[in-house]
Amino acid sequence: MRLRLGILAALAGAALAKPPVDGVISLSAPAIYNEMDARSAARRLTMPVLYAVGADDGDFAADAKTLRAATKAPAQLIVVPGSAHGVALVEEGGQTTVRRAVATFLANYAR
């Protein structure tokens, strides 16, 4: 449960950060968790965003699509086969596609 709250809090924090962050990577973030709404945060993001999720990761797959649609800033959505969730998408043995996308995103936007 803490991981869900953590990535949602990261999205919300990125939307409010002063100075703005360079980019945001979201791995399996929920659109809503308890009373926190990541959709409203996604609408306020002004920096590039990478969303990644497993196609069979329950509601998180639909949530990633919802968050991508709510993001007005440049955003990429990667949906990979399987049910890997969160960090498991990039851990050793995880999805090569997501690891490469994260590495490319960091190379392009991290200062």
C-alpha atoms as a PDB file:
ATOM      1  CA  MET A   1       0.000   0.000   0.000  1.00  0.00           C
ATOM      2  CA  ARG A   2       2.826   2.435   0.738  1.00  0.00           C
ATOM      3  CA  LEU A   3       4.150   2.074  -2.817  1.00  0.00           C
ATOM      4  CA  ARG A   4       0.782   3.090  -4.248  1.00  0.00           C
ATOM      5  CA  LEU A   5       0.726   6.128  -2.043  1.00  0.00           C
ATOM      6  CA  GLY A   6       4.367   6.848  -2.852  1.00  0.00           C
ATOM      7  CA  ILE A   7       4.026   7.044  -6.624  1.00  0.00           C
ATOM      8  CA  LEU A   8       0.779   8.985  -6.366  1.00  0.00           C
ATOM      9  CA  ALA A   9       2.477  11.421  -3.963  1.00  0.00           C
ATOM     10  CA  ALA A  10       5.365  11.750  -6.433  1.00  0.00           C
ATOM     11  CA  LEU A  11       2.945  12.765  -9.196  1.00  0.00           C
ATOM     12  CA  ALA A  12       1.243  15.264  -6.899  1.00  0.00           C
ATOM     13  CA  GLY A  13       4.581  16.614  -5.694  1.00  0.00           C
ATOM     14  CA  ALA A  14       5.880  17.019  -9.236  1.00  0.00           C
ATOM     15  CA  ALA A  15       2.811  19.066 -10.127  1.00  0.00           C
ATOM     16  CA  LEU A  16       3.553  21.487  -7.264  1.00  0.00           C
ATOM     17  CA  ALA A  17       7.379  21.509  -7.177  1.00  0.00           C
ATOM     18  CA  LYS A  18       9.119  24.897  -7.309  1.00  0.00           C
ATOM     19  CA  PRO A  19      11.347  24.991  -9.239  1.00  0.00           C
ATOM     20  CA  PRO A  20       9.707  22.384 -11.460  1.00  0.00           C
ATOM     21  CA  VAL A  21      11.222  18.934 -11.756  1.00  0.00           C
ATOM     22  CA  ASP A  22      12.709  17.939 -15.121  1.00  0.00           C
ATOM     23  CA  GLY A  23      10.454  14.930 -15.681  1.00  0.00           C
ATOM     24  CA  VAL A  24       8.302  12.304 -13.992  1.00  0.00           C
ATOM     25  CA  ILE A  25       8.309   8.520 -14.322  1.00  0.00           C
ATOM     26  CA  SER A  26       5.178   6.746 -13.126  1.00  0.00           C
ATOM     27  CA  LEU A  27       5.256   2.964 -12.731  1.00  0.00           C
ATOM     28  CA  SER A  28       1.762   1.535 -12.138  1.00  0.00           C
ATOM     29  CA  ALA A  29       0.339   4.599 -10.388  1.00  0.00           C
ATOM     30  CA  PRO A  30      -3.305   4.460  -9.314  1.00  0.00           C
ATOM     31  CA  ALA A  31      -5.605   7.213 -10.574  1.00  0.00           C
ATOM     32  CA  ILE A  32      -7.177   7.456  -7.124  1.00  0.00           C
ATOM     33  CA  TYR A  33      -5.987   6.139  -3.774  1.00  0.00           C
ATOM     34  CA  ASN A  34      -7.935   6.873  -0.628  1.00  0.00           C
ATOM     35  CA  GLU A  35      -8.717  10.574  -0.981  1.00  0.00           C
ATOM     36  CA  MET A  36      -5.768  11.397  -3.242  1.00  0.00           C
ATOM     37  CA  ASP A  37      -6.565  11.990  -6.919  1.00  0.00           C
ATOM     38  CA  ALA A  38      -3.644  11.621  -9.317  1.00  0.00           C
ATOM     39  CA  ARG A  39      -5.797  12.743 -12.250  1.00  0.00           C
ATOM     40  CA  SER A  40      -5.908  16.307 -10.951  1.00  0.00           C
ATOM     41  CA  ALA A  41      -2.134  16.216 -10.431  1.00  0.00           C
ATOM     42  CA  ALA A  42      -1.609  14.859 -13.964  1.00  0.00           C
ATOM     43  CA  ARG A  43      -3.565  17.780 -15.411  1.00  0.00           C
ATOM     44  CA  ARG A  44      -1.147  20.212 -13.716  1.00  0.00           C
ATOM     45  CA  LEU A  45       2.081  18.554 -14.858  1.00  0.00           C
ATOM     46  CA  THR A  46       4.138  20.779 -17.134  1.00  0.00           C
ATOM     47  CA  MET A  47       7.143  18.507 -17.603  1.00  0.00           C
ATOM     48  CA  PRO A  48       7.563  15.318 -19.677  1.00  0.00           C
ATOM     49  CA  VAL A  49       6.029  12.200 -18.151  1.00  0.00           C
ATOM     50  CA  LEU A  50       6.629   8.505 -18.769  1.00  0.00           C
ATOM     51  CA  TYR A  51       3.830   6.170 -17.672  1.00  0.00           C
ATOM     52  CA  ALA A  52       4.477   2.407 -17.659  1.00  0.00           C
ATOM     53  CA  VAL A  53       2.239  -0.457 -16.598  1.00  0.00           C
ATOM     54  CA  GLY A  54       1.659  -4.170 -17.114  1.00  0.00           C
ATOM     55  CA  ALA A  55      -1.355  -4.960 -19.300  1.00  0.00           C
ATOM     56  CA  ASP A  56      -2.638  -7.493 -16.763  1.00  0.00           C
ATOM     57  CA  ASP A  57      -1.987  -5.367 -13.659  1.00  0.00           C
ATOM     58  CA  GLY A  58      -5.648  -5.088 -12.694  1.00  0.00           C
ATOM     59  CA  ASP A  59      -7.077  -1.570 -12.506  1.00  0.00           C
ATOM     60  CA  PHE A  60      -3.601  -0.060 -12.779  1.00  0.00           C
ATOM     61  CA  ALA A  61      -3.535  -0.622 -16.556  1.00  0.00           C
ATOM     62  CA  ALA A  62      -6.717   1.401 -17.013  1.00  0.00           C
ATOM     63  CA  ASP A  63      -5.470   3.983 -14.507  1.00  0.00           C
ATOM     64  CA  ALA A  64      -2.262   4.520 -16.506  1.00  0.00           C
ATOM     65  CA  LYS A  65      -4.351   5.230 -19.606  1.00  0.00           C
ATOM     66  CA  THR A  66      -6.548   7.614 -17.623  1.00  0.00           C
ATOM     67  CA  LEU A  67      -3.531   9.471 -16.238  1.00  0.00           C
ATOM     68  CA  ARG A  68      -1.894   9.681 -19.674  1.00  0.00           C
ATOM     69  CA  ALA A  69      -5.105  11.131 -21.110  1.00  0.00           C
ATOM     70  CA  ALA A  70      -5.273  13.714 -18.296  1.00  0.00           C
ATOM     71  CA  THR A  71      -1.665  14.835 -18.849  1.00  0.00           C
ATOM     72  CA  LYS A  72      -1.413  17.918 -21.029  1.00  0.00           C
ATOM     73  CA  ALA A  73       2.403  17.936 -20.988  1.00  0.00           C
ATOM     74  CA  PRO A  74       4.314  15.629 -23.353  1.00  0.00           C
ATOM     75  CA  ALA A  75       3.669  12.110 -22.076  1.00  0.00           C
ATOM     76  CA  GLN A  76       4.411   8.583 -23.182  1.00  0.00           C
ATOM     77  CA  LEU A  77       2.479   5.483 -22.147  1.00  0.00           C
ATOM     78  CA  ILE A  78       4.063   2.040 -22.288  1.00  0.00           C
ATOM     79  CA  VAL A  79       1.826  -0.959 -21.681  1.00  0.00           C
ATOM     80  CA  VAL A  80       3.746  -4.230 -21.608  1.00  0.00           C
ATOM     81  CA  PRO A  81       2.486  -7.811 -21.460  1.00  0.00           C
ATOM     82  CA  GLY A  82       2.075  -9.387 -18.036  1.00  0.00           C
ATOM     83  CA  SER A  83       1.108  -8.352 -14.540  1.00  0.00           C
ATOM     84  CA  ALA A  84       4.367  -6.823 -13.302  1.00  0.00           C
ATOM     85  CA  HIS A  85       3.648  -3.904 -10.986  1.00  0.00           C
ATOM     86  CA  GLY A  86       5.682  -0.838 -10.085  1.00  0.00           C
ATOM     87  CA  VAL A  87       9.405  -1.376  -9.659  1.00  0.00           C
ATOM     88  CA  ALA A  88       9.037  -4.962 -10.911  1.00  0.00           C
ATOM     89  CA  LEU A  89       8.610  -3.423 -14.376  1.00  0.00           C
ATOM     90  CA  VAL A  90      12.258  -2.344 -14.377  1.00  0.00           C
ATOM     91  CA  GLU A  91      13.970  -4.778 -12.012  1.00  0.00           C
ATOM     92  CA  GLU A  92      16.299  -7.413 -13.388  1.00  0.00           C
ATOM     93  CA  GLY A  93      14.082  -9.963 -15.089  1.00  0.00           C
ATOM     94  CA  GLY A  94      11.436  -7.289 -15.666  1.00  0.00           C
ATOM     95  CA  GLN A  95      10.444  -5.792 -18.968  1.00  0.00           C
ATOM     96  CA  THR A  96      13.369  -4.821 -21.186  1.00  0.00           C
ATOM     97  CA  THR A  97      11.031  -2.405 -22.982  1.00  0.00           C
ATOM     98  CA  VAL A  98      10.338  -0.467 -19.782  1.00  0.00           C
ATOM     99  CA  ARG A  99      13.984  -0.487 -18.655  1.00  0.00           C
ATOM    100  CA  ARG A 100      15.053   0.928 -22.015  1.00  0.00           C
ATOM    101  CA  ALA A 101      12.287   3.550 -21.967  1.00  0.00           C
ATOM    102  CA  VAL A 102      13.272   4.632 -18.447  1.00  0.00           C
ATOM    103  CA  ALA A 103      16.948   4.837 -19.431  1.00  0.00           C
ATOM    104  CA  THR A 104      16.112   6.889 -22.527  1.00  0.00           C
ATOM    105  CA  PHE A 105      13.791   9.170 -20.549  1.00  0.00           C
ATOM    106  CA  LEU A 106      16.492   9.785 -17.934  1.00  0.00           C
ATOM    107  CA  ALA A 107      19.105  10.437 -20.605  1.00  0.00           C
ATOM    108  CA  ASN A 108      16.820  12.966 -22.268  1.00  0.00           C
ATOM    109  CA  TYR A 109      15.478  14.804 -19.228  1.00  0.00           C
ATOM    110  CA  ALA A 110      17.653  14.283 -16.135  1.00  0.00           C
ATOM    111  CA  ARG A 111      20.089  17.090 -15.495  1.00  0.00           C
END
